[in-house]
Amino acid sequence: MARGFFQENYFTSRMKLVVAGNKPLDELTEMVVPLFGRLPKSERVPQQDLNGPYSRADFKVVPSQLN
């Protein structure tokens, strides 16, 4: 039952990844792409819109104020 749920609901076209850190965006990208870029692409489309109320334009990179 759990395997069926996983296969039915977990696929790359439904995934979102959030990365936060005190490194420049280029460095964070270099760390993340080797780990998550290998996931097989899925052509499956979620049955419902899971994007939420925000669009990509609502987010921005904010420099850290910590020293």
N, C-alpha and C. Protein backbone atom coordinates (compact mmCIF):
# COMPACT_ATOMS: atom_id res chain seq x y z
N MET A 1 0.81 -1.20 0.00
CA MET A 1 0.00 0.00 0.00
C MET A 1 0.87 1.27 0.00
N ALA A 2 1.89 1.31 0.84
CA ALA A 2 2.76 2.48 0.89
C ALA A 2 3.49 2.68 -0.43
N ARG A 3 3.94 1.61 -1.05
CA ARG A 3 4.64 1.72 -2.34
C ARG A 3 3.72 2.30 -3.41
N GLY A 4 2.47 1.84 -3.42
CA GLY A 4 1.50 2.36 -4.38
C GLY A 4 1.25 3.84 -4.19
N PHE A 5 1.13 4.27 -2.92
CA PHE A 5 0.94 5.68 -2.62
C PHE A 5 2.15 6.49 -3.11
N PHE A 6 3.34 5.98 -2.83
CA PHE A 6 4.56 6.67 -3.26
C PHE A 6 4.60 6.80 -4.78
N GLN A 7 4.36 5.71 -5.49
CA GLN A 7 4.42 5.73 -6.95
C GLN A 7 3.35 6.64 -7.56
N GLU A 8 2.23 6.74 -6.89
CA GLU A 8 1.13 7.56 -7.40
C GLU A 8 1.32 9.04 -7.11
N ASN A 9 2.02 9.38 -6.04
CA ASN A 9 2.05 10.77 -5.58
C ASN A 9 3.41 11.46 -5.61
N TYR A 10 4.49 10.71 -5.71
CA TYR A 10 5.82 11.32 -5.67
C TYR A 10 6.49 11.18 -7.03
N PHE A 11 6.59 12.30 -7.75
CA PHE A 11 7.29 12.32 -9.03
C PHE A 11 7.86 13.72 -9.24
N THR A 12 8.87 13.81 -10.09
CA THR A 12 9.65 15.04 -10.19
C THR A 12 8.86 16.26 -10.63
N SER A 13 7.84 16.11 -11.44
CA SER A 13 7.09 17.29 -11.87
C SER A 13 6.28 17.89 -10.72
N ARG A 14 6.22 17.22 -9.60
CA ARG A 14 5.51 17.71 -8.43
C ARG A 14 6.47 18.26 -7.37
N MET A 15 7.75 18.04 -7.54
CA MET A 15 8.73 18.41 -6.52
C MET A 15 9.13 19.88 -6.59
N LYS A 16 9.40 20.42 -5.43
CA LYS A 16 9.96 21.77 -5.28
C LYS A 16 11.13 21.65 -4.32
N LEU A 17 12.16 22.43 -4.52
CA LEU A 17 13.32 22.40 -3.65
C LEU A 17 13.63 23.82 -3.19
N VAL A 18 13.81 24.00 -1.89
CA VAL A 18 14.17 25.29 -1.32
C VAL A 18 15.54 25.13 -0.70
N VAL A 19 16.43 26.04 -1.02
CA VAL A 19 17.79 26.01 -0.50
C VAL A 19 18.08 27.36 0.15
N ALA A 20 18.61 27.31 1.34
CA ALA A 20 18.98 28.55 2.04
C ALA A 20 20.39 28.38 2.58
N GLY A 21 21.15 29.43 2.55
CA GLY A 21 22.50 29.36 3.07
C GLY A 21 23.18 30.70 2.98
N ASN A 22 24.37 30.77 3.55
CA ASN A 22 25.11 32.02 3.55
C ASN A 22 26.14 32.06 2.43
N LYS A 23 25.90 31.31 1.38
CA LYS A 23 26.80 31.29 0.22
C LYS A 23 26.09 31.93 -0.96
N PRO A 24 26.85 32.41 -1.95
CA PRO A 24 26.23 32.98 -3.15
C PRO A 24 25.37 31.92 -3.87
N LEU A 25 24.39 32.39 -4.58
CA LEU A 25 23.47 31.51 -5.29
C LEU A 25 24.20 30.55 -6.23
N ASP A 26 25.24 31.02 -6.90
CA ASP A 26 26.02 30.15 -7.80
C ASP A 26 26.62 28.96 -7.05
N GLU A 27 27.14 29.21 -5.85
CA GLU A 27 27.74 28.12 -5.06
C GLU A 27 26.66 27.16 -4.57
N LEU A 28 25.54 27.68 -4.13
CA LEU A 28 24.45 26.81 -3.69
C LEU A 28 23.97 25.94 -4.84
N THR A 29 23.86 26.52 -6.02
CA THR A 29 23.44 25.76 -7.20
C THR A 29 24.43 24.65 -7.49
N GLU A 30 25.73 24.94 -7.41
CA GLU A 30 26.76 23.92 -7.66
C GLU A 30 26.66 22.77 -6.66
N MET A 31 26.23 23.05 -5.44
CA MET A 31 26.10 22.00 -4.43
C MET A 31 24.83 21.16 -4.63
N VAL A 32 23.77 21.78 -5.12
CA VAL A 32 22.48 21.12 -5.20
C VAL A 32 22.29 20.32 -6.50
N VAL A 33 22.73 20.87 -7.61
CA VAL A 33 22.49 20.21 -8.91
C VAL A 33 23.05 18.79 -8.96
N PRO A 34 24.27 18.51 -8.47
CA PRO A 34 24.75 17.12 -8.51
C PRO A 34 23.88 16.16 -7.69
N LEU A 35 23.25 16.64 -6.65
CA LEU A 35 22.43 15.77 -5.81
C LEU A 35 21.03 15.56 -6.37
N PHE A 36 20.41 16.63 -6.82
CA PHE A 36 19.02 16.55 -7.24
C PHE A 36 18.84 16.55 -8.75
N GLY A 37 19.85 16.96 -9.49
CA GLY A 37 19.76 16.98 -10.95
C GLY A 37 19.73 15.60 -11.56
N ARG A 38 20.09 14.58 -10.79
CA ARG A 38 20.12 13.20 -11.30
C ARG A 38 18.76 12.52 -11.23
N LEU A 39 17.80 13.13 -10.57
CA LEU A 39 16.50 12.50 -10.46
C LEU A 39 15.88 12.35 -11.85
N PRO A 40 15.31 11.20 -12.14
CA PRO A 40 14.73 11.00 -13.47
C PRO A 40 13.56 11.96 -13.70
N LYS A 41 13.52 12.52 -14.90
CA LYS A 41 12.44 13.43 -15.25
C LYS A 41 11.15 12.66 -15.40
N SER A 42 10.07 13.27 -15.01
CA SER A 42 8.76 12.65 -15.13
C SER A 42 7.87 13.53 -15.99
N GLU A 43 7.15 12.92 -16.89
CA GLU A 43 6.21 13.65 -17.73
C GLU A 43 4.83 13.70 -17.08
N ARG A 44 4.70 13.06 -15.92
CA ARG A 44 3.41 13.05 -15.24
C ARG A 44 3.03 14.46 -14.80
N VAL A 45 1.78 14.75 -14.84
CA VAL A 45 1.27 16.06 -14.43
C VAL A 45 0.43 15.86 -13.17
N PRO A 46 0.67 16.67 -12.14
CA PRO A 46 -0.15 16.54 -10.94
C PRO A 46 -1.63 16.70 -11.27
N GLN A 47 -2.47 15.98 -10.56
CA GLN A 47 -3.90 16.05 -10.79
C GLN A 47 -4.49 17.37 -10.33
N GLN A 48 -3.84 18.01 -9.41
CA GLN A 48 -4.32 19.30 -8.94
C GLN A 48 -3.17 20.29 -8.98
N ASP A 49 -3.48 21.56 -8.98
CA ASP A 49 -2.47 22.60 -9.01
C ASP A 49 -1.85 22.70 -7.62
N LEU A 50 -0.58 22.33 -7.52
CA LEU A 50 0.12 22.38 -6.23
C LEU A 50 1.07 23.56 -6.13
N ASN A 51 0.96 24.51 -7.05
CA ASN A 51 1.88 25.64 -7.05
C ASN A 51 1.64 26.61 -5.90
N GLY A 52 0.45 26.63 -5.36
CA GLY A 52 0.17 27.52 -4.26
C GLY A 52 -0.13 28.93 -4.71
N PRO A 53 -0.28 29.83 -3.76
CA PRO A 53 -0.70 31.19 -4.09
C PRO A 53 0.44 32.10 -4.56
N TYR A 54 1.67 31.60 -4.58
CA TYR A 54 2.81 32.44 -4.93
C TYR A 54 3.38 32.05 -6.28
N SER A 55 3.93 33.02 -6.98
CA SER A 55 4.62 32.76 -8.24
C SER A 55 6.11 32.98 -8.03
N ARG A 56 6.90 32.60 -9.01
CA ARG A 56 8.35 32.75 -8.94
C ARG A 56 8.74 34.22 -8.70
N ALA A 57 7.97 35.14 -9.23
CA ALA A 57 8.27 36.57 -9.09
C ALA A 57 8.13 37.05 -7.64
N ASP A 58 7.42 36.30 -6.82
CA ASP A 58 7.23 36.69 -5.42
C ASP A 58 8.46 36.43 -4.56
N PHE A 59 9.44 35.70 -5.08
CA PHE A 59 10.61 35.32 -4.30
C PHE A 59 11.86 35.98 -4.86
N LYS A 60 12.81 36.27 -3.98
CA LYS A 60 14.07 36.85 -4.41
C LYS A 60 15.17 36.40 -3.46
N VAL A 61 16.41 36.55 -3.89
CA VAL A 61 17.56 36.24 -3.06
C VAL A 61 17.82 37.45 -2.18
N VAL A 62 17.89 37.21 -0.88
CA VAL A 62 18.13 38.29 0.08
C VAL A 62 19.49 38.06 0.72
N PRO A 63 20.39 39.01 0.59
CA PRO A 63 21.71 38.86 1.21
C PRO A 63 21.60 38.73 2.73
N SER A 64 22.45 37.91 3.28
CA SER A 64 22.45 37.69 4.73
C SER A 64 22.94 38.95 5.45
N GLN A 65 22.32 39.22 6.57
CA GLN A 65 22.74 40.36 7.40
C GLN A 65 23.64 39.90 8.54
N LEU A 66 23.91 38.59 8.60
CA LEU A 66 24.74 38.04 9.68
C LEU A 66 26.22 38.18 9.33
N ASN A 67 27.04 38.37 10.34
CA ASN A 67 28.50 38.47 10.10
C ASN A 67 29.18 37.21 10.55
